[in-house]
């Protein structure tokens, strides 16, 4: 099923698809977003609704490593500092980097990128979902490209 105005994200290094079709929305304001300490709900609900994405309103909050060797950043669809928020359910074509999946109840996101492209192994994102964090996926803006569905 295609969503009108939807886009998909792909790995900028190998073009493997990384997301289901999603449409851009404004990121939820912090005071409109459920936070883990607000409720005994377990597990945390996703920060972003399924089928949507937003530009991270706090660019630079995540420290990313260097792009893969031989990667030309001009191939990416975004630029440095443009990270993208998605719901975890909208991910496809990624694998977990288990050595960086630490946290007490889920991945805390403190150990660097923990999602890799299943096609080429490039570190493309971060899954955050510990008991004290929002449940969200942040894709590295320099290592993904986006394309519109017609």
N, C-alpha and C. Protein backbone atom coordinates (compact mmCIF):
# COMPACT_ATOMS: atom_id res chain seq x y z
N UNK A 1 0.84 -1.18 0.00
CA UNK A 1 0.00 0.00 0.00
C UNK A 1 0.88 1.23 0.00
N UNK A 2 0.59 2.19 -0.87
CA UNK A 2 1.35 3.43 -0.92
C UNK A 2 0.57 4.54 -0.25
N UNK A 3 1.27 5.41 0.42
CA UNK A 3 0.68 6.55 1.11
C UNK A 3 0.92 7.77 0.23
N UNK A 4 -0.13 8.57 -0.03
CA UNK A 4 0.04 9.77 -0.85
C UNK A 4 1.07 10.68 -0.21
N UNK A 5 2.04 11.13 -1.00
CA UNK A 5 3.08 12.02 -0.48
C UNK A 5 4.13 11.31 0.36
N UNK A 6 4.14 9.99 0.32
CA UNK A 6 5.08 9.24 1.15
C UNK A 6 6.46 9.18 0.53
N UNK A 7 7.40 8.94 1.39
CA UNK A 7 8.80 8.80 0.98
C UNK A 7 9.36 7.56 1.65
N UNK A 8 10.45 7.06 1.11
CA UNK A 8 11.17 5.96 1.73
C UNK A 8 12.62 6.37 1.90
N UNK A 9 13.25 5.81 2.92
CA UNK A 9 14.66 6.07 3.18
C UNK A 9 15.46 4.85 2.76
N UNK A 10 16.63 5.12 2.19
CA UNK A 10 17.53 4.07 1.73
C UNK A 10 18.93 4.38 2.22
N UNK A 11 19.75 3.34 2.23
CA UNK A 11 21.15 3.50 2.60
C UNK A 11 21.84 4.29 1.48
N UNK A 12 22.52 5.36 1.84
CA UNK A 12 23.20 6.16 0.83
C UNK A 12 24.45 5.46 0.29
N UNK A 13 24.95 4.46 1.00
CA UNK A 13 26.14 3.75 0.54
C UNK A 13 25.81 2.68 -0.50
N UNK A 14 24.67 1.94 -0.30
CA UNK A 14 24.38 0.83 -1.22
C UNK A 14 22.97 0.86 -1.80
N UNK A 15 22.17 1.82 -1.42
CA UNK A 15 20.79 2.00 -1.91
C UNK A 15 19.78 0.99 -1.39
N UNK A 16 20.15 0.16 -0.42
CA UNK A 16 19.19 -0.78 0.15
C UNK A 16 18.12 0.00 0.91
N UNK A 17 16.90 -0.44 0.81
CA UNK A 17 15.78 0.25 1.47
C UNK A 17 15.84 0.04 2.98
N UNK A 18 15.61 1.14 3.72
CA UNK A 18 15.70 1.11 5.18
C UNK A 18 14.38 1.40 5.87
N UNK A 19 13.38 1.90 5.13
CA UNK A 19 12.12 2.23 5.79
C UNK A 19 10.92 1.85 4.93
N UNK A 20 9.82 1.68 5.62
CA UNK A 20 8.52 1.57 4.96
C UNK A 20 8.16 2.96 4.46
N UNK A 21 7.14 3.11 3.63
CA UNK A 21 6.72 4.45 3.23
C UNK A 21 6.28 5.28 4.44
N UNK A 22 6.79 6.49 4.52
CA UNK A 22 6.48 7.40 5.63
C UNK A 22 6.24 8.80 5.07
N UNK A 23 5.50 9.61 5.80
CA UNK A 23 5.27 10.99 5.38
C UNK A 23 5.81 11.92 6.45
N UNK A 24 6.30 13.07 6.01
CA UNK A 24 6.92 14.01 6.94
C UNK A 24 5.88 14.79 7.73
N UNK A 25 6.12 14.90 9.02
CA UNK A 25 5.27 15.68 9.93
C UNK A 25 6.20 16.53 10.80
N UNK A 26 5.62 17.47 11.51
CA UNK A 26 6.41 18.21 12.49
C UNK A 26 6.69 17.30 13.66
N UNK A 27 7.87 17.40 14.24
CA UNK A 27 8.16 16.55 15.41
C UNK A 27 7.26 16.96 16.57
N UNK A 28 6.88 16.00 17.40
CA UNK A 28 6.06 16.36 18.55
C UNK A 28 6.87 17.24 19.51
N UNK A 29 6.21 18.25 20.05
CA UNK A 29 6.86 19.10 21.05
C UNK A 29 7.08 18.25 22.31
N UNK A 30 8.12 18.57 23.03
CA UNK A 30 8.42 17.77 24.22
C UNK A 30 7.26 17.73 25.19
N UNK A 31 6.52 18.83 25.32
CA UNK A 31 5.41 18.82 26.28
C UNK A 31 4.19 18.06 25.75
N UNK A 32 4.20 17.67 24.47
CA UNK A 32 3.12 16.89 23.88
C UNK A 32 3.48 15.41 23.79
N UNK A 33 4.67 15.07 24.17
CA UNK A 33 5.15 13.71 24.01
C UNK A 33 5.22 13.01 25.35
N UNK A 34 4.70 11.80 25.38
CA UNK A 34 4.78 10.99 26.57
C UNK A 34 6.25 10.73 26.90
N UNK A 35 6.61 10.84 28.13
CA UNK A 35 7.96 10.50 28.54
C UNK A 35 7.90 9.35 29.54
N UNK A 36 8.94 8.58 29.66
CA UNK A 36 8.90 7.37 30.47
C UNK A 36 8.50 7.59 31.93
N UNK A 37 8.81 8.72 32.49
CA UNK A 37 8.49 8.93 33.90
C UNK A 37 7.08 9.44 34.11
N UNK A 38 6.33 9.71 33.03
CA UNK A 38 4.97 10.22 33.15
C UNK A 38 3.95 9.16 33.52
N UNK A 39 4.23 7.92 33.23
CA UNK A 39 3.22 6.88 33.35
C UNK A 39 3.89 5.53 33.58
N UNK A 40 3.17 4.63 34.22
CA UNK A 40 3.73 3.29 34.41
C UNK A 40 3.57 2.40 33.18
N UNK A 41 3.21 2.98 32.03
CA UNK A 41 3.04 2.18 30.80
C UNK A 41 4.36 1.48 30.47
N UNK A 42 4.26 0.22 30.14
CA UNK A 42 5.45 -0.53 29.81
C UNK A 42 5.14 -1.38 28.59
N UNK A 43 5.83 -1.32 27.52
CA UNK A 43 6.99 -0.48 27.25
C UNK A 43 6.57 0.93 26.81
N UNK A 44 7.55 1.78 26.67
CA UNK A 44 7.29 3.14 26.24
C UNK A 44 6.66 3.13 24.85
N UNK A 45 5.68 3.98 24.61
CA UNK A 45 5.17 4.08 23.25
C UNK A 45 6.17 4.83 22.38
N UNK A 46 6.13 4.63 21.06
CA UNK A 46 7.06 5.34 20.19
C UNK A 46 6.82 6.85 20.21
N UNK A 47 7.89 7.60 20.08
CA UNK A 47 7.79 9.06 20.00
C UNK A 47 7.06 9.47 18.73
N UNK A 48 7.34 8.80 17.61
CA UNK A 48 6.73 9.12 16.32
C UNK A 48 5.63 8.11 16.02
N UNK A 49 4.52 8.58 15.46
CA UNK A 49 3.44 7.69 15.04
C UNK A 49 3.89 6.86 13.85
N UNK A 50 3.37 5.67 13.75
CA UNK A 50 3.69 4.80 12.61
C UNK A 50 3.35 5.52 11.31
N UNK A 51 4.20 5.35 10.31
CA UNK A 51 3.96 5.94 9.01
C UNK A 51 4.38 7.39 8.89
N UNK A 52 5.08 7.91 9.91
CA UNK A 52 5.53 9.30 9.88
C UNK A 52 7.03 9.39 10.17
N UNK A 53 7.62 10.52 9.78
CA UNK A 53 8.99 10.83 10.17
C UNK A 53 9.08 12.33 10.37
N UNK A 54 10.13 12.76 11.07
CA UNK A 54 10.36 14.18 11.30
C UNK A 54 11.86 14.43 11.34
N UNK A 55 12.23 15.65 11.05
CA UNK A 55 13.62 16.05 11.24
C UNK A 55 13.83 16.22 12.74
N UNK A 56 14.95 15.72 13.24
CA UNK A 56 15.22 15.80 14.67
C UNK A 56 15.30 17.27 15.08
N UNK A 57 14.46 17.70 16.04
CA UNK A 57 14.49 19.10 16.46
C UNK A 57 15.71 19.47 17.28
N UNK A 58 16.50 18.47 17.66
CA UNK A 58 17.73 18.71 18.43
C UNK A 58 18.93 18.20 17.64
N UNK A 59 19.25 18.85 16.51
CA UNK A 59 20.38 18.36 15.72
C UNK A 59 21.66 18.38 16.54
N UNK A 60 22.46 17.38 16.34
CA UNK A 60 23.73 17.30 17.04
C UNK A 60 23.66 16.63 18.40
N UNK A 61 22.47 16.19 18.84
CA UNK A 61 22.38 15.54 20.15
C UNK A 61 23.01 14.16 20.13
N UNK A 62 23.16 13.60 18.94
CA UNK A 62 23.76 12.28 18.79
C UNK A 62 25.11 12.43 18.12
N UNK A 63 26.12 11.81 18.69
CA UNK A 63 27.45 11.85 18.10
C UNK A 63 27.62 10.64 17.21
N UNK A 64 27.79 10.89 15.92
CA UNK A 64 27.96 9.82 14.96
C UNK A 64 29.43 9.66 14.64
N UNK A 65 29.83 8.48 14.30
CA UNK A 65 31.20 8.23 13.89
C UNK A 65 31.43 8.70 12.46
N UNK A 66 32.56 8.35 11.94
CA UNK A 66 32.90 8.72 10.56
C UNK A 66 32.07 7.90 9.58
N UNK A 67 31.77 8.47 8.40
CA UNK A 67 31.08 7.69 7.36
C UNK A 67 31.95 6.49 6.96
N UNK A 68 31.34 5.46 6.35
CA UNK A 68 32.11 4.29 5.91
C UNK A 68 33.23 4.70 4.98
N UNK A 69 34.29 3.92 4.98
CA UNK A 69 35.44 4.18 4.12
C UNK A 69 35.01 4.24 2.66
N UNK A 70 35.46 5.26 1.96
CA UNK A 70 35.13 5.42 0.55
C UNK A 70 33.77 6.04 0.29
N UNK A 71 33.06 6.43 1.33
CA UNK A 71 31.72 6.99 1.18
C UNK A 71 31.82 8.47 0.86
N UNK A 72 31.16 8.90 -0.19
CA UNK A 72 31.13 10.32 -0.55
C UNK A 72 29.85 10.93 0.01
N UNK A 73 29.97 11.86 0.95
CA UNK A 73 28.79 12.41 1.61
C UNK A 73 27.88 13.14 0.63
N UNK A 74 28.37 13.51 -0.53
CA UNK A 74 27.51 14.18 -1.50
C UNK A 74 26.43 13.25 -2.05
N UNK A 75 26.57 11.94 -1.88
CA UNK A 75 25.56 11.01 -2.35
C UNK A 75 24.35 10.97 -1.44
N UNK A 76 24.49 11.44 -0.21
CA UNK A 76 23.39 11.37 0.76
C UNK A 76 22.32 12.40 0.42
N UNK A 77 21.10 12.13 0.86
CA UNK A 77 19.99 13.01 0.57
C UNK A 77 19.84 14.16 1.55
N UNK A 78 20.63 14.21 2.58
CA UNK A 78 20.53 15.25 3.60
C UNK A 78 21.93 15.76 3.85
N UNK A 79 22.11 16.53 4.85
CA UNK A 79 23.43 17.03 5.17
C UNK A 79 23.76 16.79 6.61
N UNK A 80 24.97 17.13 7.02
CA UNK A 80 25.35 16.97 8.42
C UNK A 80 24.37 17.73 9.31
N UNK A 81 24.00 17.13 10.42
CA UNK A 81 23.11 17.77 11.37
C UNK A 81 21.63 17.60 11.06
N UNK A 82 21.27 16.84 10.01
CA UNK A 82 19.87 16.60 9.69
C UNK A 82 19.56 15.14 9.97
N UNK A 83 19.31 14.83 11.22
CA UNK A 83 18.95 13.47 11.59
C UNK A 83 17.44 13.32 11.52
N UNK A 84 16.98 12.11 11.33
CA UNK A 84 15.57 11.84 11.04
C UNK A 84 14.97 10.90 12.08
N UNK A 85 13.83 11.27 12.62
CA UNK A 85 13.13 10.47 13.63
C UNK A 85 12.08 9.60 12.95
N UNK A 86 12.04 8.32 13.32
CA UNK A 86 11.03 7.40 12.81
C UNK A 86 10.50 6.54 13.95
N UNK A 87 9.39 5.91 13.69
CA UNK A 87 8.88 4.91 14.61
C UNK A 87 9.64 3.61 14.33
N UNK A 88 10.01 2.85 15.36
CA UNK A 88 10.73 1.60 15.12
C UNK A 88 10.00 0.63 14.18
N UNK A 89 8.68 0.66 14.18
CA UNK A 89 7.92 -0.23 13.32
C UNK A 89 8.04 0.08 11.84
N UNK A 90 8.57 1.25 11.50
CA UNK A 90 8.73 1.62 10.09
C UNK A 90 10.09 1.25 9.53
N UNK A 91 10.94 0.63 10.33
CA UNK A 91 12.25 0.19 9.84
C UNK A 91 12.14 -1.11 9.07
N UNK A 92 12.87 -1.19 7.98
CA UNK A 92 13.08 -2.45 7.28
C UNK A 92 14.54 -2.46 6.83
N UNK A 93 15.08 -3.60 6.55
CA UNK A 93 16.43 -3.66 5.97
C UNK A 93 17.55 -3.22 6.90
N UNK A 94 17.33 -3.31 8.20
CA UNK A 94 18.40 -2.98 9.15
C UNK A 94 18.66 -4.18 10.05
N UNK A 95 19.84 -4.21 10.60
CA UNK A 95 20.20 -5.22 11.60
C UNK A 95 20.71 -4.51 12.84
N UNK A 96 20.56 -5.18 13.97
CA UNK A 96 21.05 -4.64 15.24
C UNK A 96 22.55 -4.86 15.36
N UNK A 97 23.22 -3.87 15.90
CA UNK A 97 24.63 -4.04 16.27
C UNK A 97 24.60 -4.38 17.75
N UNK A 98 24.60 -5.67 18.05
CA UNK A 98 24.34 -6.14 19.40
C UNK A 98 25.37 -5.66 20.42
N UNK A 99 26.61 -5.42 19.99
CA UNK A 99 27.63 -4.95 20.92
C UNK A 99 27.33 -3.55 21.43
N UNK A 100 26.38 -2.84 20.79
CA UNK A 100 26.02 -1.48 21.21
C UNK A 100 24.54 -1.40 21.62
N UNK A 101 23.96 -2.51 21.98
CA UNK A 101 22.54 -2.58 22.30
C UNK A 101 22.31 -2.47 23.80
N UNK A 102 23.27 -1.92 24.56
CA UNK A 102 23.19 -1.90 26.01
C UNK A 102 22.16 -0.96 26.59
N UNK A 103 21.68 -1.30 27.75
CA UNK A 103 20.71 -0.54 28.51
C UNK A 103 20.09 -1.47 29.52
N UNK A 104 19.32 -0.94 30.45
CA UNK A 104 18.76 -1.85 31.44
C UNK A 104 17.47 -2.52 30.96
N UNK A 105 16.60 -1.80 30.26
CA UNK A 105 15.34 -2.36 29.77
C UNK A 105 15.25 -2.36 28.25
N UNK A 106 16.21 -1.77 27.60
CA UNK A 106 16.26 -1.66 26.15
C UNK A 106 17.48 -0.84 25.80
N UNK A 107 17.72 -0.61 24.53
CA UNK A 107 18.92 0.13 24.14
C UNK A 107 18.86 1.59 24.60
N UNK A 108 19.88 2.02 25.33
CA UNK A 108 19.93 3.39 25.83
C UNK A 108 20.48 4.37 24.82
N UNK A 109 21.22 3.87 23.84
CA UNK A 109 21.75 4.73 22.80
C UNK A 109 23.03 5.44 23.15
N UNK A 110 23.67 5.05 24.24
CA UNK A 110 24.88 5.74 24.68
C UNK A 110 26.16 5.20 24.06
N UNK A 111 26.07 4.09 23.37
CA UNK A 111 27.27 3.43 22.86
C UNK A 111 27.48 3.66 21.37
N UNK A 112 26.77 4.61 20.80
CA UNK A 112 26.91 4.92 19.38
C UNK A 112 25.88 4.21 18.54
N UNK A 113 25.98 4.36 17.23
CA UNK A 113 25.00 3.76 16.33
C UNK A 113 24.84 2.28 16.61
N UNK A 114 23.58 1.82 16.66
CA UNK A 114 23.33 0.40 16.93
C UNK A 114 22.45 -0.25 15.87
N UNK A 115 22.27 0.46 14.74
CA UNK A 115 21.55 -0.11 13.59
C UNK A 115 22.44 -0.02 12.36
N UNK A 116 22.51 -1.11 11.64
CA UNK A 116 23.32 -1.16 10.42
C UNK A 116 22.44 -1.53 9.24
N UNK A 117 22.85 -1.11 8.08
CA UNK A 117 22.18 -1.50 6.84
C UNK A 117 22.40 -3.00 6.64
N UNK A 118 21.32 -3.73 6.40
CA UNK A 118 21.45 -5.18 6.18
C UNK A 118 22.15 -5.47 4.85
N UNK A 119 22.14 -4.49 3.94
CA UNK A 119 22.76 -4.70 2.64
C UNK A 119 24.27 -4.60 2.65
N UNK A 120 24.81 -3.56 3.31
CA UNK A 120 26.27 -3.35 3.26
C UNK A 120 26.93 -3.23 4.62
N UNK A 121 26.16 -3.17 5.68
CA UNK A 121 26.75 -3.09 7.02
C UNK A 121 27.06 -1.68 7.49
N UNK A 122 26.76 -0.66 6.70
CA UNK A 122 27.01 0.73 7.13
C UNK A 122 26.17 1.04 8.36
N UNK A 123 26.76 1.72 9.32
CA UNK A 123 26.04 2.12 10.53
C UNK A 123 25.14 3.30 10.17
N UNK A 124 23.83 3.06 10.14
CA UNK A 124 22.90 4.06 9.62
C UNK A 124 22.01 4.70 10.66
N UNK A 125 21.96 4.16 11.87
CA UNK A 125 21.02 4.73 12.82
C UNK A 125 21.20 4.26 14.24
N UNK A 126 20.29 4.76 15.03
CA UNK A 126 20.31 4.51 16.47
C UNK A 126 18.89 4.20 16.93
N UNK A 127 18.72 3.08 17.59
CA UNK A 127 17.45 2.71 18.21
C UNK A 127 17.60 3.03 19.68
N UNK A 128 16.70 3.86 20.18
CA UNK A 128 16.71 4.24 21.59
C UNK A 128 15.41 3.76 22.19
N UNK A 129 15.46 3.09 23.31
CA UNK A 129 14.23 2.58 23.91
C UNK A 129 14.42 2.00 25.29
N UNK A 130 15.20 2.66 26.12
CA UNK A 130 15.37 2.19 27.49
C UNK A 130 14.23 2.73 28.35
N UNK A 131 14.17 2.34 29.60
CA UNK A 131 13.06 2.73 30.46
C UNK A 131 13.03 4.22 30.78
N UNK A 132 14.09 4.94 30.55
CA UNK A 132 14.14 6.37 30.87
C UNK A 132 14.19 7.23 29.60
N UNK A 133 13.95 6.63 28.44
CA UNK A 133 14.04 7.36 27.18
C UNK A 133 12.75 7.21 26.39
N UNK A 134 12.58 8.07 25.40
CA UNK A 134 11.54 7.85 24.41
C UNK A 134 11.92 6.61 23.62
N UNK A 135 10.93 5.98 23.02
CA UNK A 135 11.19 4.89 22.09
C UNK A 135 11.23 5.53 20.71
N UNK A 136 12.41 5.56 20.11
CA UNK A 136 12.55 6.21 18.81
C UNK A 136 13.71 5.61 18.03
N UNK A 137 13.65 5.83 16.74
CA UNK A 137 14.75 5.50 15.85
C UNK A 137 15.23 6.81 15.26
N UNK A 138 16.53 7.00 15.26
CA UNK A 138 17.13 8.19 14.65
C UNK A 138 18.04 7.69 13.54
N UNK A 139 17.71 8.07 12.30
CA UNK A 139 18.57 7.73 11.17
C UNK A 139 19.60 8.82 10.95
N UNK A 140 20.82 8.43 10.66
CA UNK A 140 21.93 9.34 10.43
C UNK A 140 21.67 10.08 9.12
N UNK A 141 21.47 11.39 9.20
CA UNK A 141 21.11 12.18 8.04
C UNK A 141 22.10 12.14 6.89
N UNK A 142 23.38 11.91 7.16
CA UNK A 142 24.36 11.85 6.08
C UNK A 142 24.42 10.49 5.43
N UNK A 143 23.90 9.47 6.09
CA UNK A 143 24.06 8.11 5.57
C UNK A 143 22.77 7.50 5.03
N UNK A 144 21.74 8.32 4.90
CA UNK A 144 20.51 7.86 4.27
C UNK A 144 20.11 8.83 3.17
N UNK A 145 19.43 8.30 2.21
CA UNK A 145 18.85 9.17 1.17
C UNK A 145 17.35 8.91 1.19
N UNK A 146 16.60 9.86 0.69
CA UNK A 146 15.17 9.66 0.66
C UNK A 146 14.66 9.87 -0.74
N UNK A 147 13.62 9.13 -1.08
CA UNK A 147 13.01 9.27 -2.39
C UNK A 147 11.50 9.24 -2.23
N UNK A 148 10.83 10.03 -3.07
CA UNK A 148 9.37 10.13 -3.04
C UNK A 148 8.77 8.99 -3.82
N UNK A 149 7.64 8.52 -3.33
CA UNK A 149 6.86 7.52 -4.06
C UNK A 149 5.86 8.27 -4.93
N UNK A 150 5.69 7.82 -6.10
CA UNK A 150 4.77 8.49 -7.04
C UNK A 150 3.39 7.90 -6.90
